């Protein structure tokens, strides 16, 4: 499989923020988000065998593994990697992060799946069909939505209410790093937007979480 990079850091996003983790970043993505913060991973890296990647995890000694991208679900060997990693006694949990555009079955033991569909601001279509299939097929799921403006929030709010029986809670909202605005200003503006959505806040447990690793200057 194509691996862009591996590194150790804290998990900087979502519900498991702050967790010391070994990161595996895959080196392929065809989604094409306008403000992607890892564009270097779209077509980069080197081909490694699955067992070579597993050896890197074992050598790290860290019990938490995060597979991110790029888009991990574009790697055909992803199920094999997850199966081998979750079979290791030394691994407590494997988190796989996906934009939710490509559905694929993965071994579910020790698996935490982060679904992060992209909003209109990113210039891509909302992956409704695949996202629903993910929500129907996986149990340990985190739904994390990046957003920038009212249009983004309108779309996601409509999705939540239309599919409330499938929505895992809490729901994470993550402001986008936009090159035309300081991140602190974006966060405050998104907070103001979310605060005005009283029906949303009463119906769903919403968590507004920034990208902590970036605020700390970490990978």
N, C-alpha and C. Protein backbone atom coordinates (compact mmCIF):
# COMPACT_ATOMS: atom_id res chain seq x y z
N UNK A 1 0.86 -1.18 0.00
CA UNK A 1 0.00 0.00 0.00
C UNK A 1 0.90 1.24 0.00
N UNK A 2 0.35 2.35 -0.46
CA UNK A 2 1.16 3.56 -0.56
C UNK A 2 1.08 4.33 0.75
N UNK A 3 2.23 4.55 1.36
CA UNK A 3 2.31 5.26 2.63
C UNK A 3 3.04 6.58 2.41
N UNK A 4 2.39 7.66 2.75
CA UNK A 4 2.98 8.99 2.61
C UNK A 4 3.98 9.24 3.73
N UNK A 5 3.58 8.94 4.97
CA UNK A 5 4.46 9.16 6.11
C UNK A 5 3.93 8.45 7.34
N UNK A 6 4.80 8.21 8.30
CA UNK A 6 4.41 7.72 9.61
C UNK A 6 5.07 8.64 10.65
N UNK A 7 4.39 8.85 11.76
CA UNK A 7 4.94 9.73 12.79
C UNK A 7 4.17 9.53 14.09
N UNK A 8 4.77 10.03 15.17
CA UNK A 8 4.13 9.98 16.48
C UNK A 8 3.67 11.38 16.88
N UNK A 9 2.47 11.47 17.42
CA UNK A 9 1.95 12.76 17.87
C UNK A 9 0.75 12.50 18.76
N UNK A 10 0.12 13.59 19.21
CA UNK A 10 -1.17 13.43 19.87
C UNK A 10 -2.27 13.49 18.81
N UNK A 11 -3.38 12.82 19.07
CA UNK A 11 -4.55 12.98 18.22
C UNK A 11 -5.06 14.41 18.45
N UNK A 12 -5.09 15.20 17.39
CA UNK A 12 -5.42 16.62 17.54
C UNK A 12 -6.84 16.97 17.21
N UNK A 13 -7.66 15.98 16.85
CA UNK A 13 -9.02 16.28 16.40
C UNK A 13 -10.03 15.33 17.02
N UNK A 14 -11.26 15.77 17.09
CA UNK A 14 -12.37 14.88 17.42
C UNK A 14 -12.46 14.47 18.87
N UNK A 15 -13.19 13.39 19.11
CA UNK A 15 -13.54 12.96 20.45
C UNK A 15 -12.38 12.34 21.22
N UNK A 16 -11.34 11.88 20.52
CA UNK A 16 -10.19 11.28 21.19
C UNK A 16 -9.01 12.24 21.25
N UNK A 17 -9.28 13.53 21.16
CA UNK A 17 -8.23 14.55 21.16
C UNK A 17 -7.32 14.39 22.38
N UNK A 18 -6.02 14.56 22.14
CA UNK A 18 -5.04 14.47 23.21
C UNK A 18 -4.42 13.10 23.39
N UNK A 19 -4.92 12.09 22.68
CA UNK A 19 -4.42 10.73 22.83
C UNK A 19 -3.08 10.55 22.12
N UNK A 20 -2.01 10.15 22.84
CA UNK A 20 -0.74 9.85 22.17
C UNK A 20 -0.94 8.69 21.18
N UNK A 21 -0.51 8.89 19.93
CA UNK A 21 -0.84 7.93 18.88
C UNK A 21 0.29 7.79 17.88
N UNK A 22 0.29 6.62 17.22
CA UNK A 22 1.17 6.39 16.08
C UNK A 22 0.33 6.59 14.82
N UNK A 23 0.75 7.53 13.97
CA UNK A 23 -0.02 7.89 12.78
C UNK A 23 0.55 7.23 11.53
N UNK A 24 -0.36 6.70 10.72
CA UNK A 24 -0.03 6.16 9.41
C UNK A 24 -0.81 6.98 8.39
N UNK A 25 -0.11 7.77 7.58
CA UNK A 25 -0.78 8.59 6.58
C UNK A 25 -0.62 7.94 5.21
N UNK A 26 -1.73 7.56 4.61
CA UNK A 26 -1.68 6.95 3.28
C UNK A 26 -1.43 8.01 2.22
N UNK A 27 -0.97 7.57 1.05
CA UNK A 27 -0.50 8.51 0.03
C UNK A 27 -1.34 8.56 -1.22
N UNK A 28 -2.65 8.58 -1.04
CA UNK A 28 -3.54 8.68 -2.20
C UNK A 28 -4.81 9.39 -1.77
N UNK A 29 -5.34 10.27 -2.62
CA UNK A 29 -6.68 10.83 -2.39
C UNK A 29 -7.18 11.45 -3.69
N UNK A 30 -8.40 11.09 -4.08
CA UNK A 30 -8.98 11.61 -5.32
C UNK A 30 -10.18 12.51 -5.04
N UNK A 31 -10.42 12.86 -3.76
CA UNK A 31 -11.59 13.69 -3.41
C UNK A 31 -11.40 15.12 -3.89
N UNK A 32 -10.25 15.72 -3.62
CA UNK A 32 -9.92 17.03 -4.18
C UNK A 32 -10.46 18.23 -3.43
N UNK A 33 -10.44 18.21 -2.10
CA UNK A 33 -10.95 19.33 -1.30
C UNK A 33 -10.10 20.59 -1.53
N UNK A 34 -10.76 21.73 -1.70
CA UNK A 34 -10.06 22.98 -2.00
C UNK A 34 -9.06 23.37 -0.93
N UNK A 35 -9.46 23.25 0.33
CA UNK A 35 -8.62 23.71 1.42
C UNK A 35 -8.06 22.55 2.24
N UNK A 36 -7.76 21.47 1.56
CA UNK A 36 -7.14 20.32 2.22
C UNK A 36 -5.82 20.75 2.86
N UNK A 37 -5.58 20.33 4.10
CA UNK A 37 -4.35 20.71 4.78
C UNK A 37 -3.23 19.67 4.61
N UNK A 38 -3.51 18.64 3.82
CA UNK A 38 -2.45 17.64 3.55
C UNK A 38 -2.43 17.30 2.05
N UNK A 39 -2.44 18.33 1.22
CA UNK A 39 -2.44 18.09 -0.22
C UNK A 39 -1.20 17.32 -0.68
N UNK A 40 -0.13 17.42 0.09
CA UNK A 40 1.09 16.69 -0.27
C UNK A 40 0.88 15.17 -0.25
N UNK A 41 -0.19 14.73 0.40
CA UNK A 41 -0.44 13.28 0.50
C UNK A 41 -1.27 12.74 -0.66
N UNK A 42 -1.76 13.60 -1.53
CA UNK A 42 -2.67 13.14 -2.58
C UNK A 42 -2.00 12.16 -3.54
N UNK A 43 -0.74 12.35 -3.81
CA UNK A 43 -0.05 11.44 -4.74
C UNK A 43 1.42 11.38 -4.35
N UNK A 44 1.67 10.91 -3.14
CA UNK A 44 3.05 10.87 -2.66
C UNK A 44 3.29 9.62 -1.85
N UNK A 45 4.53 9.44 -1.43
CA UNK A 45 4.84 8.31 -0.56
C UNK A 45 5.54 7.18 -1.28
N UNK A 46 5.63 6.06 -0.58
CA UNK A 46 6.30 4.89 -1.12
C UNK A 46 5.45 3.66 -0.86
N UNK A 47 5.64 2.66 -1.68
CA UNK A 47 4.89 1.42 -1.53
C UNK A 47 5.54 0.56 -0.44
N UNK A 48 4.74 0.17 0.54
CA UNK A 48 5.20 -0.70 1.61
C UNK A 48 4.28 -1.91 1.71
N UNK A 49 4.84 -3.03 2.07
CA UNK A 49 3.99 -4.19 2.35
C UNK A 49 3.25 -3.96 3.66
N UNK A 50 2.12 -4.61 3.80
CA UNK A 50 1.33 -4.44 5.02
C UNK A 50 2.13 -4.85 6.24
N UNK A 51 2.89 -5.95 6.14
CA UNK A 51 3.67 -6.40 7.29
C UNK A 51 4.77 -5.41 7.67
N UNK A 52 5.29 -4.67 6.70
CA UNK A 52 6.29 -3.64 6.99
C UNK A 52 5.67 -2.50 7.80
N UNK A 53 4.43 -2.14 7.46
CA UNK A 53 3.73 -1.09 8.21
C UNK A 53 3.45 -1.55 9.63
N UNK A 54 3.05 -2.80 9.77
CA UNK A 54 2.79 -3.36 11.10
C UNK A 54 4.06 -3.34 11.95
N UNK A 55 5.19 -3.66 11.36
CA UNK A 55 6.46 -3.64 12.09
C UNK A 55 6.77 -2.25 12.62
N UNK A 56 6.44 -1.22 11.85
CA UNK A 56 6.67 0.16 12.29
C UNK A 56 5.81 0.48 13.51
N UNK A 57 4.58 0.00 13.50
CA UNK A 57 3.69 0.21 14.65
C UNK A 57 4.22 -0.48 15.89
N UNK A 58 4.63 -1.73 15.72
CA UNK A 58 5.16 -2.50 16.86
C UNK A 58 6.39 -1.81 17.44
N UNK A 59 7.26 -1.31 16.57
CA UNK A 59 8.49 -0.67 17.02
C UNK A 59 8.21 0.60 17.82
N UNK A 60 7.10 1.28 17.52
CA UNK A 60 6.77 2.52 18.23
C UNK A 60 6.40 2.27 19.68
N UNK A 61 5.78 1.13 19.96
CA UNK A 61 5.36 0.82 21.31
C UNK A 61 4.09 1.53 21.75
N UNK A 62 3.49 2.33 20.88
CA UNK A 62 2.27 3.06 21.24
C UNK A 62 1.04 2.18 21.04
N UNK A 63 0.10 2.19 21.98
CA UNK A 63 -1.08 1.32 21.88
C UNK A 63 -2.21 1.88 21.02
N UNK A 64 -2.11 3.16 20.65
CA UNK A 64 -3.15 3.78 19.82
C UNK A 64 -2.59 4.04 18.43
N UNK A 65 -3.31 3.60 17.40
CA UNK A 65 -2.89 3.77 16.02
C UNK A 65 -3.97 4.55 15.27
N UNK A 66 -3.54 5.54 14.48
CA UNK A 66 -4.46 6.32 13.66
C UNK A 66 -4.05 6.18 12.20
N UNK A 67 -4.96 5.71 11.37
CA UNK A 67 -4.73 5.62 9.93
C UNK A 67 -5.50 6.76 9.28
N UNK A 68 -4.77 7.66 8.64
CA UNK A 68 -5.37 8.85 8.07
C UNK A 68 -4.83 9.04 6.66
N UNK A 69 -5.13 10.19 6.06
CA UNK A 69 -4.70 10.35 4.68
C UNK A 69 -4.36 11.78 4.34
N UNK A 70 -4.42 12.03 2.99
CA UNK A 70 -4.96 11.13 2.00
C UNK A 70 -6.34 10.60 2.34
N UNK A 71 -6.67 9.52 1.65
CA UNK A 71 -7.92 8.81 1.89
C UNK A 71 -7.62 7.33 2.04
N UNK A 72 -7.58 6.83 3.28
CA UNK A 72 -7.21 5.43 3.53
C UNK A 72 -8.08 4.43 2.78
N UNK A 73 -9.34 4.76 2.55
CA UNK A 73 -10.23 3.79 1.90
C UNK A 73 -9.94 3.62 0.42
N UNK A 74 -9.01 4.38 -0.13
CA UNK A 74 -8.57 4.15 -1.50
C UNK A 74 -7.50 3.06 -1.58
N UNK A 75 -7.03 2.61 -0.42
CA UNK A 75 -6.03 1.55 -0.36
C UNK A 75 -6.72 0.19 -0.25
N UNK A 76 -6.54 -0.66 -1.26
CA UNK A 76 -7.19 -1.97 -1.26
C UNK A 76 -6.71 -2.85 -0.13
N UNK A 77 -5.49 -2.61 0.35
CA UNK A 77 -4.93 -3.43 1.42
C UNK A 77 -5.36 -2.95 2.81
N UNK A 78 -6.18 -1.89 2.89
CA UNK A 78 -6.59 -1.36 4.18
C UNK A 78 -7.23 -2.41 5.09
N UNK A 79 -8.16 -3.25 4.62
CA UNK A 79 -8.72 -4.28 5.50
C UNK A 79 -7.66 -5.22 6.07
N UNK A 80 -6.66 -5.58 5.26
CA UNK A 80 -5.60 -6.47 5.75
C UNK A 80 -4.78 -5.78 6.84
N UNK A 81 -4.49 -4.51 6.64
CA UNK A 81 -3.71 -3.77 7.63
C UNK A 81 -4.48 -3.66 8.95
N UNK A 82 -5.75 -3.31 8.88
CA UNK A 82 -6.56 -3.19 10.09
C UNK A 82 -6.67 -4.53 10.81
N UNK A 83 -6.84 -5.60 10.06
CA UNK A 83 -6.96 -6.93 10.67
C UNK A 83 -5.68 -7.29 11.43
N UNK A 84 -4.52 -7.05 10.81
CA UNK A 84 -3.26 -7.39 11.47
C UNK A 84 -3.02 -6.51 12.70
N UNK A 85 -3.30 -5.23 12.58
CA UNK A 85 -3.07 -4.32 13.69
C UNK A 85 -3.98 -4.63 14.88
N UNK A 86 -5.25 -4.89 14.61
CA UNK A 86 -6.18 -5.15 15.71
C UNK A 86 -5.95 -6.51 16.36
N UNK A 87 -5.20 -7.37 15.68
CA UNK A 87 -4.88 -8.68 16.27
C UNK A 87 -3.70 -8.61 17.23
N UNK A 88 -2.99 -7.49 17.24
CA UNK A 88 -1.82 -7.35 18.11
C UNK A 88 -2.26 -7.06 19.55
N UNK A 89 -1.78 -7.82 20.53
CA UNK A 89 -2.12 -7.54 21.93
C UNK A 89 -1.66 -6.16 22.38
N UNK A 90 -0.61 -5.65 21.75
CA UNK A 90 -0.05 -4.36 22.15
C UNK A 90 -0.86 -3.17 21.64
N UNK A 91 -1.80 -3.41 20.72
CA UNK A 91 -2.62 -2.32 20.16
C UNK A 91 -3.98 -2.30 20.85
N UNK A 92 -4.29 -1.15 21.44
CA UNK A 92 -5.55 -0.98 22.15
C UNK A 92 -6.69 -0.63 21.19
N UNK A 93 -6.38 0.24 20.22
CA UNK A 93 -7.41 0.73 19.31
C UNK A 93 -6.79 1.19 18.02
N UNK A 94 -7.49 0.96 16.92
CA UNK A 94 -7.10 1.47 15.62
C UNK A 94 -8.19 2.43 15.15
N UNK A 95 -7.81 3.69 14.95
CA UNK A 95 -8.73 4.69 14.43
C UNK A 95 -8.47 4.87 12.95
N UNK A 96 -9.52 4.78 12.14
CA UNK A 96 -9.40 5.04 10.71
C UNK A 96 -10.23 6.26 10.38
N UNK A 97 -9.60 7.26 9.76
CA UNK A 97 -10.27 8.50 9.40
C UNK A 97 -10.56 8.50 7.90
N UNK A 98 -11.79 8.84 7.54
CA UNK A 98 -12.18 8.82 6.13
C UNK A 98 -13.11 9.98 5.80
N UNK A 99 -13.02 10.44 4.56
CA UNK A 99 -13.95 11.46 4.06
C UNK A 99 -15.33 10.88 3.77
N UNK A 100 -15.44 9.55 3.80
CA UNK A 100 -16.72 8.83 3.64
C UNK A 100 -17.21 8.77 2.20
N UNK A 101 -16.32 8.88 1.23
CA UNK A 101 -16.73 8.83 -0.17
C UNK A 101 -16.65 7.42 -0.76
N UNK A 102 -15.83 6.56 -0.17
CA UNK A 102 -15.63 5.20 -0.68
C UNK A 102 -15.96 4.22 0.43
N UNK A 103 -17.01 3.44 0.25
CA UNK A 103 -17.38 2.48 1.29
C UNK A 103 -16.58 1.20 1.13
N UNK A 104 -16.12 0.67 2.27
CA UNK A 104 -15.40 -0.59 2.28
C UNK A 104 -15.60 -1.23 3.65
N UNK A 105 -15.75 -2.53 3.69
CA UNK A 105 -15.90 -3.25 4.95
C UNK A 105 -14.53 -3.45 5.59
N UNK A 106 -14.44 -3.18 6.90
CA UNK A 106 -13.21 -3.40 7.65
C UNK A 106 -13.50 -4.30 8.85
N UNK A 107 -12.50 -5.03 9.34
CA UNK A 107 -12.67 -5.77 10.60
C UNK A 107 -13.03 -4.77 11.70
N UNK A 108 -14.00 -5.12 12.54
CA UNK A 108 -14.55 -4.14 13.47
C UNK A 108 -14.01 -4.24 14.89
N UNK A 109 -13.30 -5.31 15.22
CA UNK A 109 -12.75 -5.44 16.56
C UNK A 109 -11.67 -4.38 16.80
N UNK A 110 -11.77 -3.64 17.89
CA UNK A 110 -10.84 -2.57 18.26
C UNK A 110 -10.85 -1.39 17.28
N UNK A 111 -11.80 -1.33 16.39
CA UNK A 111 -11.82 -0.29 15.36
C UNK A 111 -12.69 0.89 15.79
N UNK A 112 -12.13 2.09 15.64
CA UNK A 112 -12.89 3.33 15.82
C UNK A 112 -12.87 4.05 14.48
N UNK A 113 -14.04 4.24 13.89
CA UNK A 113 -14.14 4.83 12.56
C UNK A 113 -14.58 6.29 12.67
N UNK A 114 -13.78 7.19 12.09
CA UNK A 114 -14.12 8.61 12.08
C UNK A 114 -14.59 8.98 10.68
N UNK A 115 -15.86 9.36 10.57
CA UNK A 115 -16.45 9.77 9.30
C UNK A 115 -16.41 11.29 9.23
N UNK A 116 -15.71 11.82 8.22
CA UNK A 116 -15.55 13.26 8.12
C UNK A 116 -15.94 13.75 6.73
N UNK A 117 -17.26 13.78 6.44
CA UNK A 117 -17.72 14.27 5.14
C UNK A 117 -17.40 15.75 4.97
N UNK A 118 -17.15 16.16 3.74
CA UNK A 118 -16.71 17.53 3.49
C UNK A 118 -17.88 18.42 3.05
N UNK A 119 -17.81 19.71 3.41
CA UNK A 119 -18.90 20.65 3.15
C UNK A 119 -18.76 21.35 1.81
N UNK A 120 -19.78 22.13 1.40
CA UNK A 120 -19.70 22.87 0.13
C UNK A 120 -18.47 23.78 0.02
N UNK A 121 -18.01 24.35 1.13
CA UNK A 121 -16.83 25.22 1.09
C UNK A 121 -15.62 24.50 0.50
N UNK A 122 -15.55 23.19 0.67
CA UNK A 122 -14.42 22.42 0.15
C UNK A 122 -14.53 22.15 -1.35
N UNK A 123 -15.66 22.52 -1.96
CA UNK A 123 -15.79 22.38 -3.40
C UNK A 123 -16.03 20.97 -3.89
N UNK A 124 -16.55 20.09 -3.02
CA UNK A 124 -16.83 18.71 -3.40
C UNK A 124 -18.27 18.36 -3.01
N UNK A 125 -18.79 17.31 -3.60
CA UNK A 125 -20.15 16.87 -3.29
C UNK A 125 -20.21 16.20 -1.92
N UNK A 126 -21.32 16.36 -1.24
CA UNK A 126 -21.54 15.69 0.03
C UNK A 126 -21.79 14.21 -0.27
N UNK A 127 -21.07 13.29 0.39
CA UNK A 127 -21.14 11.85 0.04
C UNK A 127 -22.32 11.13 0.69
N UNK A 128 -23.51 11.55 0.37
CA UNK A 128 -24.70 11.07 1.09
C UNK A 128 -24.85 9.56 1.07
N UNK A 129 -24.79 8.94 -0.09
CA UNK A 129 -25.04 7.50 -0.21
C UNK A 129 -24.02 6.67 0.57
N UNK A 130 -22.73 6.96 0.37
CA UNK A 130 -21.69 6.19 1.06
C UNK A 130 -21.72 6.46 2.56
N UNK A 131 -21.98 7.71 2.94
CA UNK A 131 -22.02 8.06 4.36
C UNK A 131 -23.12 7.29 5.09
N UNK A 132 -24.29 7.21 4.49
CA UNK A 132 -25.38 6.45 5.10
C UNK A 132 -25.03 4.98 5.22
N UNK A 133 -24.35 4.45 4.23
CA UNK A 133 -23.95 3.04 4.29
C UNK A 133 -22.97 2.80 5.43
N UNK A 134 -22.03 3.73 5.62
CA UNK A 134 -21.10 3.63 6.75
C UNK A 134 -21.86 3.63 8.07
N UNK A 135 -22.79 4.56 8.22
CA UNK A 135 -23.54 4.69 9.48
C UNK A 135 -24.39 3.47 9.76
N UNK A 136 -24.87 2.83 8.71
CA UNK A 136 -25.69 1.63 8.87
C UNK A 136 -24.84 0.39 9.18
N UNK A 137 -23.56 0.41 8.79
CA UNK A 137 -22.73 -0.80 8.85
C UNK A 137 -21.77 -0.85 10.03
N UNK A 138 -21.44 0.29 10.62
CA UNK A 138 -20.45 0.33 11.70
C UNK A 138 -21.08 0.83 12.99
N UNK A 139 -20.56 0.33 14.12
CA UNK A 139 -21.10 0.73 15.42
C UNK A 139 -20.22 1.75 16.14
N UNK A 140 -18.91 1.50 16.22
CA UNK A 140 -18.03 2.44 16.90
C UNK A 140 -17.64 3.53 15.90
N UNK A 141 -18.53 4.51 15.78
CA UNK A 141 -18.39 5.54 14.74
C UNK A 141 -18.42 6.93 15.37
N UNK A 142 -17.57 7.78 14.86
CA UNK A 142 -17.56 9.20 15.23
C UNK A 142 -17.87 10.01 13.99
N UNK A 143 -18.82 10.93 14.09
CA UNK A 143 -19.20 11.78 12.96
C UNK A 143 -18.61 13.17 13.20
N UNK A 144 -17.69 13.57 12.32
CA UNK A 144 -16.96 14.83 12.48
C UNK A 144 -17.10 15.64 11.19
N UNK A 145 -17.71 16.80 11.30
CA UNK A 145 -18.00 17.60 10.12
C UNK A 145 -17.21 18.90 10.16
N UNK A 146 -16.41 19.16 9.12
CA UNK A 146 -15.71 20.42 9.02
C UNK A 146 -16.61 21.45 8.34
N UNK A 147 -16.52 22.70 8.79
CA UNK A 147 -17.38 23.73 8.20
C UNK A 147 -16.76 25.10 8.33
N UNK A 148 -17.30 26.01 7.50
CA UNK A 148 -16.78 27.38 7.45
C UNK A 148 -17.87 28.43 7.51
N UNK A 149 -19.01 28.17 6.82
CA UNK A 149 -20.04 29.20 6.76
C UNK A 149 -21.44 28.62 6.93
N UNK A 150 -22.44 29.49 6.83
CA UNK A 150 -23.83 29.10 7.05
C UNK A 150 -24.29 28.03 6.06
N UNK A 151 -23.82 28.13 4.82
CA UNK A 151 -24.20 27.14 3.82
C UNK A 151 -23.75 25.74 4.24
N UNK A 152 -22.54 25.65 4.77
CA UNK A 152 -22.03 24.37 5.25
C UNK A 152 -22.89 23.83 6.39
N UNK A 153 -23.22 24.69 7.33
CA UNK A 153 -24.00 24.27 8.49
C UNK A 153 -25.42 23.90 8.10
N UNK A 154 -26.01 24.63 7.16
CA UNK A 154 -27.37 24.31 6.70
C UNK A 154 -27.43 22.89 6.14
N UNK A 155 -26.45 22.55 5.31
CA UNK A 155 -26.44 21.22 4.69
C UNK A 155 -26.34 20.13 5.76
N UNK A 156 -25.42 20.30 6.69
CA UNK A 156 -25.21 19.25 7.69
C UNK A 156 -26.38 19.15 8.66
N UNK A 157 -26.94 20.28 9.04
CA UNK A 157 -28.09 20.25 9.93
C UNK A 157 -29.25 19.49 9.28
N UNK A 158 -29.47 19.74 8.00
CA UNK A 158 -30.51 19.02 7.28
C UNK A 158 -30.24 17.53 7.25
N UNK A 159 -28.97 17.15 7.05
CA UNK A 159 -28.60 15.74 7.05
C UNK A 159 -28.88 15.10 8.41
N UNK A 160 -28.51 15.78 9.48
CA UNK A 160 -28.72 15.23 10.82
C UNK A 160 -30.20 14.98 11.11
N UNK A 161 -31.04 15.94 10.81
CA UNK A 161 -32.46 15.79 11.12
C UNK A 161 -33.14 14.77 10.20
N UNK A 162 -32.65 14.65 8.97
CA UNK A 162 -33.24 13.68 8.03
C UNK A 162 -32.86 12.25 8.37
N UNK A 163 -31.77 12.07 9.12
CA UNK A 163 -31.27 10.72 9.42
C UNK A 163 -30.98 10.56 10.92
N UNK A 164 -31.80 11.15 11.75
CA UNK A 164 -31.53 11.22 13.18
C UNK A 164 -31.40 9.84 13.83
N UNK A 165 -32.07 8.83 13.27
CA UNK A 165 -32.01 7.48 13.84
C UNK A 165 -30.65 6.81 13.64
N UNK A 166 -29.81 7.36 12.73
CA UNK A 166 -28.51 6.76 12.44
C UNK A 166 -27.34 7.55 13.03
N UNK A 167 -27.63 8.72 13.59
CA UNK A 167 -26.55 9.63 13.97
C UNK A 167 -25.93 9.23 15.31
N UNK A 168 -24.62 8.93 15.33
CA UNK A 168 -23.93 8.66 16.60
C UNK A 168 -23.70 9.97 17.34
N UNK A 169 -23.81 9.93 18.65
CA UNK A 169 -23.59 11.15 19.41
C UNK A 169 -22.48 10.94 20.42
N UNK A 170 -21.71 11.98 20.74
CA UNK A 170 -21.79 13.36 20.28
C UNK A 170 -21.42 13.52 18.80
N UNK A 171 -21.84 14.65 18.23
CA UNK A 171 -21.48 15.03 16.86
C UNK A 171 -20.43 16.12 16.96
N UNK A 172 -19.33 15.96 16.23
CA UNK A 172 -18.23 16.93 16.29
C UNK A 172 -18.32 17.90 15.11
N UNK A 173 -18.24 19.19 15.42
CA UNK A 173 -18.12 20.23 14.40
C UNK A 173 -16.72 20.82 14.50
N UNK A 174 -16.03 20.88 13.37
CA UNK A 174 -14.63 21.34 13.35
C UNK A 174 -14.46 22.46 12.33
N UNK A 175 -14.20 23.69 12.78
CA UNK A 175 -13.99 24.79 11.83
C UNK A 175 -12.83 24.52 10.90
N UNK A 176 -12.98 24.95 9.66
CA UNK A 176 -11.96 24.76 8.63
C UNK A 176 -10.86 25.81 8.75
N UNK A 177 -9.62 25.39 8.54
CA UNK A 177 -8.53 26.34 8.37
C UNK A 177 -8.66 26.95 6.97
N UNK A 178 -9.00 28.23 6.90
CA UNK A 178 -9.18 28.91 5.62
C UNK A 178 -8.06 29.93 5.44
N UNK A 179 -7.43 29.97 4.27
CA UNK A 179 -6.28 30.86 4.09
C UNK A 179 -6.61 32.34 4.19
N UNK A 180 -7.89 32.71 4.07
CA UNK A 180 -8.26 34.12 4.09
C UNK A 180 -8.69 34.62 5.48
N UNK A 181 -8.56 33.76 6.49
CA UNK A 181 -9.03 34.17 7.81
C UNK A 181 -8.22 33.48 8.89
N UNK A 182 -7.89 34.21 9.94
CA UNK A 182 -7.20 33.61 11.08
C UNK A 182 -8.09 32.54 11.71
N UNK A 183 -7.45 31.44 12.15
CA UNK A 183 -8.25 30.31 12.64
C UNK A 183 -9.06 30.68 13.88
N UNK A 184 -8.51 31.52 14.75
CA UNK A 184 -9.26 31.92 15.94
C UNK A 184 -10.53 32.67 15.56
N UNK A 185 -10.44 33.50 14.52
CA UNK A 185 -11.62 34.24 14.06
C UNK A 185 -12.65 33.29 13.44
N UNK A 186 -12.17 32.32 12.67
CA UNK A 186 -13.08 31.33 12.10
C UNK A 186 -13.80 30.58 13.21
N UNK A 187 -13.06 30.16 14.22
CA UNK A 187 -13.67 29.40 15.32
C UNK A 187 -14.74 30.22 16.02
N UNK A 188 -14.46 31.49 16.33
CA UNK A 188 -15.44 32.34 17.00
C UNK A 188 -16.68 32.54 16.14
N UNK A 189 -16.48 32.72 14.84
CA UNK A 189 -17.61 32.94 13.93
C UNK A 189 -18.47 31.68 13.81
N UNK A 190 -17.80 30.50 13.71
CA UNK A 190 -18.55 29.24 13.66
C UNK A 190 -19.30 29.02 14.97
N UNK A 191 -18.67 29.36 16.10
CA UNK A 191 -19.35 29.25 17.39
C UNK A 191 -20.63 30.09 17.39
N UNK A 192 -20.54 31.32 16.89
CA UNK A 192 -21.73 32.18 16.84
C UNK A 192 -22.82 31.55 15.98
N UNK A 193 -22.44 30.97 14.85
CA UNK A 193 -23.41 30.29 13.98
C UNK A 193 -24.09 29.15 14.70
N UNK A 194 -23.28 28.31 15.34
CA UNK A 194 -23.81 27.13 16.01
C UNK A 194 -24.69 27.53 17.19
N UNK A 195 -24.27 28.53 17.93
CA UNK A 195 -25.04 28.96 19.11
C UNK A 195 -26.45 29.40 18.74
N UNK A 196 -26.63 29.94 17.55
CA UNK A 196 -27.96 30.39 17.14
C UNK A 196 -28.87 29.24 16.71
N UNK A 197 -28.31 28.04 16.52
CA UNK A 197 -29.10 26.90 16.08
C UNK A 197 -29.65 26.15 17.31
N UNK A 198 -30.63 26.73 17.97
CA UNK A 198 -31.11 26.14 19.22
C UNK A 198 -31.76 24.77 19.02
N UNK A 199 -32.46 24.60 17.93
CA UNK A 199 -33.08 23.29 17.67
C UNK A 199 -32.01 22.23 17.49
N UNK A 200 -30.94 22.56 16.80
CA UNK A 200 -29.82 21.64 16.61
C UNK A 200 -29.20 21.26 17.95
N UNK A 201 -28.96 22.26 18.80
CA UNK A 201 -28.30 22.01 20.08
C UNK A 201 -29.18 21.24 21.05
N UNK A 202 -30.48 21.40 20.93
CA UNK A 202 -31.39 20.65 21.80
C UNK A 202 -31.59 19.22 21.33
N UNK A 203 -31.42 18.99 20.04
CA UNK A 203 -31.69 17.67 19.46
C UNK A 203 -30.47 16.76 19.41
N UNK A 204 -29.28 17.35 19.34
CA UNK A 204 -28.05 16.58 19.22
C UNK A 204 -27.01 17.10 20.20
N UNK A 205 -26.17 16.19 20.69
CA UNK A 205 -25.06 16.58 21.56
C UNK A 205 -23.91 17.03 20.67
N UNK A 206 -23.76 18.33 20.54
CA UNK A 206 -22.79 18.90 19.62
C UNK A 206 -21.51 19.29 20.37
N UNK A 207 -20.37 18.92 19.81
CA UNK A 207 -19.07 19.34 20.34
C UNK A 207 -18.34 20.16 19.28
N UNK A 208 -17.99 21.38 19.59
CA UNK A 208 -17.23 22.23 18.69
C UNK A 208 -15.76 22.13 19.10
N UNK A 209 -14.95 21.44 18.29
CA UNK A 209 -13.57 21.12 18.67
C UNK A 209 -12.61 21.60 17.58
N UNK A 210 -11.64 22.44 17.93
CA UNK A 210 -10.65 22.89 16.94
C UNK A 210 -9.61 21.81 16.68
N UNK A 211 -8.73 22.08 15.71
CA UNK A 211 -7.61 21.19 15.44
C UNK A 211 -6.48 21.57 16.42
N UNK A 212 -6.47 20.89 17.55
CA UNK A 212 -5.59 21.24 18.66
C UNK A 212 -4.12 21.13 18.28
N UNK A 213 -3.76 20.12 17.51
CA UNK A 213 -2.35 19.93 17.17
C UNK A 213 -1.80 21.13 16.38
N UNK A 214 -2.64 21.76 15.58
CA UNK A 214 -2.19 22.91 14.82
C UNK A 214 -2.02 24.12 15.73
N UNK A 215 -2.90 24.28 16.70
CA UNK A 215 -2.76 25.38 17.65
C UNK A 215 -1.47 25.25 18.45
N UNK A 216 -1.01 24.01 18.65
CA UNK A 216 0.20 23.75 19.41
C UNK A 216 1.45 23.68 18.55
N UNK A 217 1.26 23.78 17.23
CA UNK A 217 2.40 23.70 16.32
C UNK A 217 2.94 22.30 16.17
N UNK A 218 2.04 21.28 16.31
CA UNK A 218 2.45 19.89 16.17
C UNK A 218 1.89 19.31 14.87
N UNK A 219 2.40 18.14 14.49
CA UNK A 219 1.91 17.46 13.29
C UNK A 219 0.57 16.81 13.59
